[in-house]
Amino acid sequence: MLEARDPAPRPLRSQPDPAMAVGVLFLGLTAVGLLLEGVLAVYSYATPGAARPLFYGVIATFAVALGVPLLAAAARALRRGGG
């Protein structure tokens, strides 16, 4: 009789990196903020005071989008013992 074959190994599903997902979320928020800033710059002449807080918000979200993966990489390196 023929021997039974072992079942083919199923490929492991990789889990998405949560730090990268947060970084992509903040990059998306940055893009939306830049789009809104452009709309305000073109179509709004009466409210120039609205642009400054939006500009600082866009800068902050971009900084977070860059900072989250850097902090995740640093934590990963420290956890593995590299440093």
C-alpha atoms as a PDB file:
ATOM      1  CA  MET A   1       0.000   0.000   0.000  1.00  0.00           C
ATOM      2  CA  LEU A   2       0.984   3.574  -0.447  1.00  0.00           C
ATOM      3  CA  GLU A   3       2.132   5.545   2.541  1.00  0.00           C
ATOM      4  CA  ALA A   4       0.146   8.586   3.507  1.00  0.00           C
ATOM      5  CA  ARG A   5       1.878  11.826   2.728  1.00  0.00           C
ATOM      6  CA  ASP A   6       2.288  14.498   5.309  1.00  0.00           C
ATOM      7  CA  PRO A   7      -0.031  17.407   4.656  1.00  0.00           C
ATOM      8  CA  ALA A   8       1.628  20.307   2.910  1.00  0.00           C
ATOM      9  CA  PRO A   9       2.815  22.924   5.386  1.00  0.00           C
ATOM     10  CA  ARG A  10       0.490  25.884   5.436  1.00  0.00           C
ATOM     11  CA  PRO A  11       2.153  29.242   4.973  1.00  0.00           C
ATOM     12  CA  LEU A  12       2.241  31.293   8.124  1.00  0.00           C
ATOM     13  CA  ARG A  13       0.197  34.447   8.014  1.00  0.00           C
ATOM     14  CA  SER A  14       2.294  37.349   9.053  1.00  0.00           C
ATOM     15  CA  GLN A  15       0.796  39.806  11.479  1.00  0.00           C
ATOM     16  CA  PRO A  16       0.932  43.445  10.441  1.00  0.00           C
ATOM     17  CA  ASP A  17       3.281  45.599  12.460  1.00  0.00           C
ATOM     18  CA  PRO A  18       1.137  47.852  14.675  1.00  0.00           C
ATOM     19  CA  ALA A  19       3.774  50.594  14.758  1.00  0.00           C
ATOM     20  CA  MET A  20       3.842  50.737  10.979  1.00  0.00           C
ATOM     21  CA  ALA A  21       0.038  50.831  10.879  1.00  0.00           C
ATOM     22  CA  VAL A  22       0.041  53.816  13.255  1.00  0.00           C
ATOM     23  CA  GLY A  23       2.737  55.488  11.172  1.00  0.00           C
ATOM     24  CA  VAL A  24       0.715  55.034   7.991  1.00  0.00           C
ATOM     25  CA  LEU A  25      -2.370  56.386   9.777  1.00  0.00           C
ATOM     26  CA  PHE A  26      -0.517  59.546  10.765  1.00  0.00           C
ATOM     27  CA  LEU A  27       0.926  59.921   7.255  1.00  0.00           C
ATOM     28  CA  GLY A  28      -2.639  59.760   5.953  1.00  0.00           C
ATOM     29  CA  LEU A  29      -3.713  62.414   8.446  1.00  0.00           C
ATOM     30  CA  THR A  30      -0.783  64.538   7.302  1.00  0.00           C
ATOM     31  CA  ALA A  31      -1.896  64.204   3.684  1.00  0.00           C
ATOM     32  CA  VAL A  32      -5.465  65.184   4.578  1.00  0.00           C
ATOM     33  CA  GLY A  33      -4.177  68.169   6.548  1.00  0.00           C
ATOM     34  CA  LEU A  34      -2.024  69.298   3.635  1.00  0.00           C
ATOM     35  CA  LEU A  35      -4.987  68.994   1.287  1.00  0.00           C
ATOM     36  CA  LEU A  36      -7.154  71.036   3.652  1.00  0.00           C
ATOM     37  CA  GLU A  37      -4.362  73.597   3.983  1.00  0.00           C
ATOM     38  CA  GLY A  38      -4.233  73.908   0.216  1.00  0.00           C
ATOM     39  CA  VAL A  39      -7.982  74.382  -0.013  1.00  0.00           C
ATOM     40  CA  LEU A  40      -7.865  77.061   2.666  1.00  0.00           C
ATOM     41  CA  ALA A  41      -4.982  78.795   0.941  1.00  0.00           C
ATOM     42  CA  VAL A  42      -6.783  78.922  -2.404  1.00  0.00           C
ATOM     43  CA  TYR A  43     -10.418  79.494  -1.497  1.00  0.00           C
ATOM     44  CA  SER A  44     -10.407  81.257   1.874  1.00  0.00           C
ATOM     45  CA  TYR A  45      -9.365  84.887   1.962  1.00  0.00           C
ATOM     46  CA  ALA A  46     -11.285  85.942   5.066  1.00  0.00           C
ATOM     47  CA  THR A  47      -9.873  83.484   7.642  1.00  0.00           C
ATOM     48  CA  PRO A  48      -6.077  83.486   7.537  1.00  0.00           C
ATOM     49  CA  GLY A  49      -6.055  82.706  11.271  1.00  0.00           C
ATOM     50  CA  ALA A  50      -7.318  79.194  10.552  1.00  0.00           C
ATOM     51  CA  ALA A  51      -4.223  78.257   8.589  1.00  0.00           C
ATOM     52  CA  ARG A  52      -1.671  78.589  11.405  1.00  0.00           C
ATOM     53  CA  PRO A  53      -3.192  75.990  13.809  1.00  0.00           C
ATOM     54  CA  LEU A  54      -3.745  73.632  10.891  1.00  0.00           C
ATOM     55  CA  PHE A  55      -0.124  74.078   9.824  1.00  0.00           C
ATOM     56  CA  TYR A  56       1.125  73.235  13.314  1.00  0.00           C
ATOM     57  CA  GLY A  57      -1.201  70.231  13.426  1.00  0.00           C
ATOM     58  CA  VAL A  58       0.185  68.960  10.128  1.00  0.00           C
ATOM     59  CA  ILE A  59       3.741  69.396  11.397  1.00  0.00           C
ATOM     60  CA  ALA A  60       2.857  67.517  14.598  1.00  0.00           C
ATOM     61  CA  THR A  61       1.213  64.606  12.774  1.00  0.00           C
ATOM     62  CA  PHE A  62       4.191  64.335  10.421  1.00  0.00           C
ATOM     63  CA  ALA A  63       6.570  64.294  13.398  1.00  0.00           C
ATOM     64  CA  VAL A  64       4.526  61.530  15.020  1.00  0.00           C
ATOM     65  CA  ALA A  65       4.451  59.609  11.724  1.00  0.00           C
ATOM     66  CA  LEU A  66       8.256  59.712  11.668  1.00  0.00           C
ATOM     67  CA  GLY A  67       8.692  59.157  15.387  1.00  0.00           C
ATOM     68  CA  VAL A  68       6.526  56.064  15.844  1.00  0.00           C
ATOM     69  CA  PRO A  69       8.560  53.758  13.553  1.00  0.00           C
ATOM     70  CA  LEU A  70      11.810  55.117  14.997  1.00  0.00           C
ATOM     71  CA  LEU A  71      10.654  54.419  18.540  1.00  0.00           C
ATOM     72  CA  ALA A  72       9.434  50.966  17.519  1.00  0.00           C
ATOM     73  CA  ALA A  73      12.790  50.170  15.925  1.00  0.00           C
ATOM     74  CA  ALA A  74      14.640  51.389  19.013  1.00  0.00           C
ATOM     75  CA  ALA A  75      12.429  49.299  21.288  1.00  0.00           C
ATOM     76  CA  ARG A  76      12.916  46.275  19.055  1.00  0.00           C
ATOM     77  CA  ALA A  77      16.693  46.727  19.122  1.00  0.00           C
ATOM     78  CA  LEU A  78      16.760  47.107  22.895  1.00  0.00           C
ATOM     79  CA  ARG A  79      14.518  44.080  23.364  1.00  0.00           C
ATOM     80  CA  ARG A  80      16.858  41.939  21.251  1.00  0.00           C
ATOM     81  CA  GLY A  81      19.873  43.081  23.215  1.00  0.00           C
ATOM     82  CA  GLY A  82      21.466  45.134  20.471  1.00  0.00           C
ATOM     83  CA  GLY A  83      22.290  48.622  21.317  1.00  0.00           C
END
